[in-house]
Amino acid sequence: MGGNAWTHTGPYQRDLAAAFRQEQEEELARDNHGFEGRSVEELWHDAEWQEYIFTGGTGSVLDFPLMIEAADTDDGPFMRPLTDDEVRAWAPHGRPTYEEWDAALDSEQLDFPGRAQGNCTVLYRDGRPSQIAYWGVTAD
């Protein structure tokens, strides 16, 4: 099987790692995938959860145990913010809107990451940060 690509947006916070963690908790509250009563951190210490993620996954921010630094080149399963240069490759002004992000993914000007990996970036409205875009590919 090949991994399945997915996209999602969440509210902006200056601290991207904190925003990611919050988005994970909210996603888990929406759908715990049968793993009721555990935090995201607890799930990632559970061998059954890991098997679930690596053989199918959730197609969401739950597929990653943590966010790494933008310049980190480690393979997944991690969420990684884009670097400024990566953003400017498809949004030369450096402050992409939701529409620009969506169009860049549709046109393949912006790639989906490899299997078991995710990316994120800040999206702007009227020149101000308004959302965080998340996109990734399941491990299966």
N, C-alpha and C. Protein backbone atom coordinates (compact mmCIF):
# COMPACT_ATOMS: atom_id res chain seq x y z
N MET A 1 0.83 -1.19 0.00
CA MET A 1 0.00 0.00 0.00
C MET A 1 0.87 1.25 0.00
N GLY A 2 0.36 2.33 -0.56
CA GLY A 2 1.00 3.62 -0.45
C GLY A 2 0.28 4.45 0.58
N GLY A 3 0.96 5.44 1.12
CA GLY A 3 0.34 6.28 2.13
C GLY A 3 -0.77 7.15 1.53
N ASN A 4 -1.69 7.57 2.37
CA ASN A 4 -2.78 8.45 1.97
C ASN A 4 -2.48 9.88 2.41
N ALA A 5 -2.62 10.81 1.48
CA ALA A 5 -2.37 12.22 1.77
C ALA A 5 -3.60 12.84 2.42
N TRP A 6 -3.37 13.80 3.30
CA TRP A 6 -4.46 14.50 3.98
C TRP A 6 -4.04 15.94 4.27
N THR A 7 -5.02 16.80 4.49
CA THR A 7 -4.78 18.20 4.87
C THR A 7 -5.74 18.60 5.97
N HIS A 8 -5.35 19.62 6.73
CA HIS A 8 -6.17 20.11 7.84
C HIS A 8 -5.64 21.49 8.23
N THR A 9 -6.52 22.33 8.73
CA THR A 9 -6.08 23.61 9.29
C THR A 9 -6.59 23.73 10.72
N GLY A 10 -5.84 24.47 11.51
CA GLY A 10 -6.21 24.73 12.89
C GLY A 10 -5.90 26.16 13.25
N PRO A 11 -6.29 26.59 14.44
CA PRO A 11 -6.07 27.98 14.85
C PRO A 11 -4.59 28.30 15.02
N TYR A 12 -4.27 29.56 14.79
CA TYR A 12 -2.89 30.04 14.91
C TYR A 12 -2.52 30.22 16.38
N GLN A 13 -1.30 29.84 16.70
CA GLN A 13 -0.62 30.19 17.94
C GLN A 13 0.82 30.48 17.57
N ARG A 14 1.43 31.41 18.27
CA ARG A 14 2.83 31.74 18.00
C ARG A 14 3.73 30.52 18.16
N ASP A 15 3.47 29.73 19.19
CA ASP A 15 4.25 28.52 19.47
C ASP A 15 3.66 27.38 18.64
N LEU A 16 4.32 27.05 17.53
CA LEU A 16 3.78 26.03 16.62
C LEU A 16 3.67 24.66 17.28
N ALA A 17 4.63 24.31 18.13
CA ALA A 17 4.57 23.01 18.81
C ALA A 17 3.38 22.94 19.75
N ALA A 18 3.10 24.03 20.46
CA ALA A 18 1.93 24.07 21.35
C ALA A 18 0.64 24.00 20.54
N ALA A 19 0.60 24.68 19.40
CA ALA A 19 -0.58 24.63 18.53
C ALA A 19 -0.79 23.20 18.02
N PHE A 20 0.29 22.55 17.64
CA PHE A 20 0.23 21.17 17.16
C PHE A 20 -0.32 20.25 18.24
N ARG A 21 0.19 20.38 19.47
CA ARG A 21 -0.28 19.56 20.58
C ARG A 21 -1.76 19.80 20.85
N GLN A 22 -2.18 21.06 20.81
CA GLN A 22 -3.59 21.39 21.01
C GLN A 22 -4.45 20.77 19.91
N GLU A 23 -3.97 20.87 18.69
CA GLU A 23 -4.71 20.30 17.56
C GLU A 23 -4.83 18.78 17.71
N GLN A 24 -3.78 18.14 18.19
CA GLN A 24 -3.83 16.70 18.43
C GLN A 24 -4.89 16.36 19.48
N GLU A 25 -4.90 17.10 20.58
CA GLU A 25 -5.87 16.83 21.64
C GLU A 25 -7.30 17.03 21.14
N GLU A 26 -7.51 18.07 20.33
CA GLU A 26 -8.85 18.31 19.77
C GLU A 26 -9.24 17.21 18.79
N GLU A 27 -8.31 16.77 17.98
CA GLU A 27 -8.59 15.68 17.04
C GLU A 27 -8.90 14.39 17.80
N LEU A 28 -8.17 14.12 18.85
CA LEU A 28 -8.40 12.93 19.66
C LEU A 28 -9.78 13.00 20.32
N ALA A 29 -10.21 14.19 20.74
CA ALA A 29 -11.54 14.35 21.33
C ALA A 29 -12.64 14.11 20.29
N ARG A 30 -12.38 14.47 19.02
CA ARG A 30 -13.35 14.23 17.95
C ARG A 30 -13.45 12.75 17.61
N ASP A 31 -12.31 12.06 17.61
CA ASP A 31 -12.29 10.65 17.24
C ASP A 31 -11.09 9.99 17.92
N ASN A 32 -11.37 9.13 18.90
CA ASN A 32 -10.27 8.46 19.61
C ASN A 32 -9.86 7.14 18.96
N HIS A 33 -10.49 6.79 17.85
CA HIS A 33 -10.14 5.61 17.06
C HIS A 33 -10.16 4.33 17.91
N GLY A 34 -11.05 4.31 18.92
CA GLY A 34 -11.17 3.12 19.77
C GLY A 34 -10.16 3.06 20.90
N PHE A 35 -9.38 4.10 21.10
CA PHE A 35 -8.36 4.14 22.16
C PHE A 35 -8.80 5.15 23.22
N GLU A 36 -9.95 4.93 23.79
CA GLU A 36 -10.58 5.87 24.71
C GLU A 36 -9.80 6.05 26.01
N GLY A 37 -9.86 7.28 26.53
CA GLY A 37 -9.34 7.56 27.86
C GLY A 37 -7.84 7.78 27.97
N ARG A 38 -7.16 8.01 26.86
CA ARG A 38 -5.71 8.22 26.92
C ARG A 38 -5.33 9.51 26.21
N SER A 39 -4.27 10.12 26.67
CA SER A 39 -3.74 11.32 26.01
C SER A 39 -2.93 10.89 24.79
N VAL A 40 -2.59 11.86 23.96
CA VAL A 40 -1.75 11.57 22.79
C VAL A 40 -0.41 10.99 23.25
N GLU A 41 0.16 11.58 24.29
CA GLU A 41 1.45 11.09 24.79
C GLU A 41 1.34 9.64 25.26
N GLU A 42 0.27 9.32 25.98
CA GLU A 42 0.07 7.94 26.43
C GLU A 42 -0.10 7.00 25.24
N LEU A 43 -0.83 7.45 24.23
CA LEU A 43 -1.04 6.61 23.05
C LEU A 43 0.28 6.24 22.39
N TRP A 44 1.19 7.19 22.28
CA TRP A 44 2.45 6.93 21.59
C TRP A 44 3.38 6.01 22.39
N HIS A 45 3.02 5.69 23.63
CA HIS A 45 3.76 4.70 24.42
C HIS A 45 3.08 3.32 24.37
N ASP A 46 1.98 3.23 23.62
CA ASP A 46 1.20 2.01 23.50
C ASP A 46 1.55 1.31 22.19
N ALA A 47 2.02 0.07 22.29
CA ALA A 47 2.41 -0.68 21.09
C ALA A 47 1.23 -0.89 20.14
N GLU A 48 0.01 -1.04 20.68
CA GLU A 48 -1.16 -1.22 19.81
C GLU A 48 -1.44 0.06 19.01
N TRP A 49 -1.28 1.23 19.62
CA TRP A 49 -1.46 2.50 18.91
C TRP A 49 -0.43 2.62 17.79
N GLN A 50 0.81 2.31 18.10
CA GLN A 50 1.87 2.40 17.10
C GLN A 50 1.56 1.48 15.92
N GLU A 51 1.10 0.27 16.20
CA GLU A 51 0.73 -0.65 15.13
C GLU A 51 -0.42 -0.08 14.31
N TYR A 52 -1.40 0.53 14.99
CA TYR A 52 -2.54 1.15 14.32
C TYR A 52 -2.07 2.26 13.37
N ILE A 53 -1.18 3.09 13.84
CA ILE A 53 -0.67 4.21 13.03
C ILE A 53 0.14 3.70 11.85
N PHE A 54 1.02 2.74 12.08
CA PHE A 54 1.93 2.30 11.02
C PHE A 54 1.29 1.34 10.03
N THR A 55 0.09 0.88 10.30
CA THR A 55 -0.60 0.00 9.34
C THR A 55 -1.84 0.64 8.75
N GLY A 56 -2.04 1.89 9.00
CA GLY A 56 -3.21 2.58 8.45
C GLY A 56 -3.20 4.04 8.83
N GLY A 57 -3.13 4.29 10.11
CA GLY A 57 -3.09 5.66 10.58
C GLY A 57 -4.45 6.32 10.63
N THR A 58 -4.44 7.56 11.06
CA THR A 58 -5.67 8.32 11.22
C THR A 58 -5.88 9.32 10.11
N GLY A 59 -4.84 9.61 9.32
CA GLY A 59 -4.94 10.66 8.31
C GLY A 59 -5.13 12.01 8.96
N SER A 60 -4.41 12.22 10.05
CA SER A 60 -4.55 13.47 10.80
C SER A 60 -3.26 13.76 11.58
N VAL A 61 -3.30 14.83 12.36
CA VAL A 61 -2.16 15.21 13.19
C VAL A 61 -1.83 14.15 14.24
N LEU A 62 -2.74 13.22 14.48
CA LEU A 62 -2.48 12.15 15.45
C LEU A 62 -1.44 11.15 14.98
N ASP A 63 -1.11 11.18 13.70
CA ASP A 63 -0.16 10.22 13.14
C ASP A 63 1.30 10.51 13.50
N PHE A 64 1.53 11.56 14.30
CA PHE A 64 2.91 11.97 14.60
C PHE A 64 3.08 12.18 16.11
N PRO A 65 4.14 11.63 16.69
CA PRO A 65 4.31 11.78 18.14
C PRO A 65 4.77 13.17 18.55
N LEU A 66 5.45 13.88 17.66
CA LEU A 66 5.95 15.19 18.04
C LEU A 66 6.31 16.02 16.82
N MET A 67 6.54 17.31 17.09
CA MET A 67 6.97 18.24 16.05
C MET A 67 8.47 18.44 16.19
N ILE A 68 9.17 18.37 15.06
CA ILE A 68 10.61 18.61 15.06
C ILE A 68 10.87 20.02 14.53
N GLU A 69 12.11 20.45 14.60
CA GLU A 69 12.50 21.78 14.12
C GLU A 69 12.43 21.82 12.59
N ALA A 70 12.19 22.99 12.06
CA ALA A 70 12.06 23.17 10.61
C ALA A 70 13.30 22.70 9.84
N ALA A 71 14.47 22.92 10.39
CA ALA A 71 15.71 22.55 9.70
C ALA A 71 16.09 21.09 9.92
N ASP A 72 15.36 20.37 10.74
CA ASP A 72 15.66 18.97 11.04
C ASP A 72 15.33 18.12 9.82
N THR A 73 16.21 17.22 9.45
CA THR A 73 16.00 16.39 8.25
C THR A 73 15.67 14.94 8.59
N ASP A 74 15.37 14.65 9.87
CA ASP A 74 15.02 13.28 10.26
C ASP A 74 13.76 12.82 9.53
N ASP A 75 13.74 11.53 9.19
CA ASP A 75 12.53 10.95 8.61
C ASP A 75 11.47 10.81 9.69
N GLY A 76 10.25 10.62 9.26
CA GLY A 76 9.11 10.53 10.17
C GLY A 76 9.15 9.33 11.07
N PRO A 77 8.16 9.22 11.90
CA PRO A 77 6.91 9.96 11.84
C PRO A 77 6.98 11.25 12.66
N PHE A 78 7.18 12.35 12.01
CA PHE A 78 7.24 13.64 12.69
C PHE A 78 6.48 14.69 11.90
N MET A 79 6.00 15.70 12.61
CA MET A 79 5.45 16.90 12.00
C MET A 79 6.59 17.90 11.95
N ARG A 80 6.79 18.54 10.79
CA ARG A 80 7.88 19.50 10.64
C ARG A 80 7.38 20.77 9.98
N PRO A 81 7.62 21.93 10.63
CA PRO A 81 7.26 23.20 9.98
C PRO A 81 8.15 23.43 8.76
N LEU A 82 7.62 24.10 7.76
CA LEU A 82 8.45 24.48 6.61
C LEU A 82 9.42 25.58 7.02
N THR A 83 10.57 25.59 6.38
CA THR A 83 11.51 26.70 6.57
C THR A 83 11.00 27.91 5.78
N ASP A 84 11.54 29.08 6.06
CA ASP A 84 11.16 30.27 5.31
C ASP A 84 11.42 30.09 3.82
N ASP A 85 12.56 29.49 3.47
CA ASP A 85 12.88 29.27 2.06
C ASP A 85 11.87 28.33 1.40
N GLU A 86 11.44 27.29 2.12
CA GLU A 86 10.45 26.37 1.56
C GLU A 86 9.12 27.08 1.32
N VAL A 87 8.73 27.97 2.22
CA VAL A 87 7.49 28.73 2.04
C VAL A 87 7.63 29.66 0.84
N ARG A 88 8.75 30.35 0.75
CA ARG A 88 8.95 31.33 -0.33
C ARG A 88 9.04 30.67 -1.71
N ALA A 89 9.30 29.39 -1.76
CA ALA A 89 9.35 28.68 -3.05
C ALA A 89 7.98 28.67 -3.72
N TRP A 90 6.89 28.72 -2.97
CA TRP A 90 5.54 28.72 -3.54
C TRP A 90 4.73 29.95 -3.14
N ALA A 91 5.24 30.73 -2.18
CA ALA A 91 4.61 31.98 -1.76
C ALA A 91 5.73 33.01 -1.58
N PRO A 92 6.21 33.60 -2.70
CA PRO A 92 7.40 34.45 -2.66
C PRO A 92 7.36 35.58 -1.63
N HIS A 93 6.20 36.06 -1.27
CA HIS A 93 6.08 37.14 -0.29
C HIS A 93 6.23 36.62 1.14
N GLY A 94 6.19 35.29 1.35
CA GLY A 94 6.44 34.69 2.65
C GLY A 94 5.27 34.69 3.62
N ARG A 95 4.11 35.14 3.19
CA ARG A 95 2.92 35.16 4.05
C ARG A 95 1.74 34.54 3.30
N PRO A 96 1.79 33.22 3.13
CA PRO A 96 0.76 32.56 2.32
C PRO A 96 -0.63 32.59 2.95
N THR A 97 -1.61 32.71 2.09
CA THR A 97 -3.01 32.61 2.51
C THR A 97 -3.45 31.15 2.38
N TYR A 98 -4.61 30.86 2.92
CA TYR A 98 -5.18 29.53 2.76
C TYR A 98 -5.31 29.20 1.28
N GLU A 99 -5.81 30.14 0.51
CA GLU A 99 -6.03 29.90 -0.93
C GLU A 99 -4.72 29.60 -1.64
N GLU A 100 -3.65 30.31 -1.30
CA GLU A 100 -2.35 30.06 -1.93
C GLU A 100 -1.81 28.68 -1.54
N TRP A 101 -1.96 28.31 -0.28
CA TRP A 101 -1.52 27.00 0.19
C TRP A 101 -2.28 25.88 -0.53
N ASP A 102 -3.59 26.02 -0.58
CA ASP A 102 -4.43 25.02 -1.23
C ASP A 102 -4.08 24.90 -2.71
N ALA A 103 -3.90 26.03 -3.38
CA ALA A 103 -3.56 26.02 -4.81
C ALA A 103 -2.17 25.41 -5.04
N ALA A 104 -1.22 25.70 -4.15
CA ALA A 104 0.13 25.16 -4.28
C ALA A 104 0.12 23.63 -4.14
N LEU A 105 -0.69 23.11 -3.22
CA LEU A 105 -0.80 21.65 -3.10
C LEU A 105 -1.49 21.05 -4.32
N ASP A 106 -2.56 21.69 -4.78
CA ASP A 106 -3.29 21.18 -5.95
C ASP A 106 -2.43 21.16 -7.21
N SER A 107 -1.60 22.18 -7.37
CA SER A 107 -0.76 22.29 -8.57
C SER A 107 0.56 21.53 -8.43
N GLU A 108 0.79 20.95 -7.26
CA GLU A 108 2.03 20.24 -6.94
C GLU A 108 3.23 21.17 -6.91
N GLN A 109 2.99 22.48 -6.80
CA GLN A 109 4.08 23.42 -6.57
C GLN A 109 4.62 23.22 -5.16
N LEU A 110 3.74 22.76 -4.28
CA LEU A 110 4.09 22.37 -2.92
C LEU A 110 3.82 20.89 -2.80
N ASP A 111 4.83 20.15 -2.42
CA ASP A 111 4.70 18.69 -2.35
C ASP A 111 4.15 18.24 -1.01
N PHE A 112 3.51 17.08 -1.05
CA PHE A 112 3.21 16.38 0.18
C PHE A 112 4.52 15.72 0.63
N PRO A 113 4.73 15.59 1.93
CA PRO A 113 5.95 14.93 2.39
C PRO A 113 5.89 13.43 2.11
N GLY A 114 6.96 12.73 2.43
CA GLY A 114 6.99 11.28 2.25
C GLY A 114 6.07 10.57 3.22
N ARG A 115 5.96 9.28 3.05
CA ARG A 115 5.11 8.48 3.94
C ARG A 115 5.55 8.63 5.39
N ALA A 116 4.56 8.66 6.28
CA ALA A 116 4.76 8.79 7.73
C ALA A 116 5.41 10.12 8.10
N GLN A 117 5.11 11.16 7.32
CA GLN A 117 5.65 12.48 7.60
C GLN A 117 4.57 13.53 7.42
N GLY A 118 4.75 14.64 8.14
CA GLY A 118 3.82 15.75 8.03
C GLY A 118 4.56 17.07 7.99
N ASN A 119 3.92 18.07 7.43
CA ASN A 119 4.44 19.43 7.40
C ASN A 119 3.38 20.39 7.91
N CYS A 120 3.83 21.56 8.30
CA CYS A 120 2.89 22.61 8.69
C CYS A 120 3.50 23.96 8.36
N THR A 121 2.63 24.97 8.26
CA THR A 121 3.07 26.34 8.04
C THR A 121 1.97 27.28 8.49
N VAL A 122 2.35 28.49 8.80
CA VAL A 122 1.39 29.52 9.19
C VAL A 122 0.73 30.08 7.94
N LEU A 123 -0.57 30.29 8.02
CA LEU A 123 -1.34 30.93 6.95
C LEU A 123 -1.80 32.29 7.43
N TYR A 124 -1.93 33.23 6.50
CA TYR A 124 -2.23 34.63 6.82
C TYR A 124 -3.54 35.07 6.19
N ARG A 125 -4.19 35.99 6.85
CA ARG A 125 -5.37 36.66 6.32
C ARG A 125 -5.16 38.14 6.58
N ASP A 126 -5.27 38.95 5.54
CA ASP A 126 -5.04 40.40 5.65
C ASP A 126 -3.67 40.71 6.26
N GLY A 127 -2.66 39.89 5.90
CA GLY A 127 -1.30 40.12 6.36
C GLY A 127 -1.00 39.69 7.78
N ARG A 128 -1.98 39.10 8.46
CA ARG A 128 -1.80 38.69 9.86
C ARG A 128 -1.93 37.17 9.97
N PRO A 129 -1.16 36.54 10.86
CA PRO A 129 -1.31 35.09 11.05
C PRO A 129 -2.73 34.75 11.48
N SER A 130 -3.32 33.75 10.83
CA SER A 130 -4.70 33.40 11.17
C SER A 130 -4.93 31.91 11.39
N GLN A 131 -4.14 31.07 10.75
CA GLN A 131 -4.32 29.62 10.85
C GLN A 131 -2.96 28.95 10.74
N ILE A 132 -2.97 27.67 11.08
CA ILE A 132 -1.82 26.82 10.79
C ILE A 132 -2.33 25.70 9.89
N ALA A 133 -1.66 25.53 8.78
CA ALA A 133 -1.99 24.44 7.85
C ALA A 133 -1.14 23.23 8.20
N TYR A 134 -1.77 22.08 8.23
CA TYR A 134 -1.10 20.80 8.45
C TYR A 134 -1.40 19.92 7.26
N TRP A 135 -0.41 19.18 6.80
CA TRP A 135 -0.64 18.19 5.73
C TRP A 135 0.39 17.10 5.87
N GLY A 136 -0.01 15.91 5.47
CA GLY A 136 0.89 14.79 5.63
C GLY A 136 0.44 13.59 4.84
N VAL A 137 1.16 12.50 5.08
CA VAL A 137 0.91 11.24 4.40
C VAL A 137 0.99 10.13 5.45
N THR A 138 0.00 9.24 5.43
CA THR A 138 0.01 8.14 6.38
C THR A 138 1.17 7.19 6.12
N ALA A 139 1.46 6.35 7.08
CA ALA A 139 2.60 5.42 6.99
C ALA A 139 2.29 4.17 6.17
N ASP A 140 1.03 3.81 6.05
CA ASP A 140 0.69 2.53 5.41
C ASP A 140 1.05 2.46 3.95
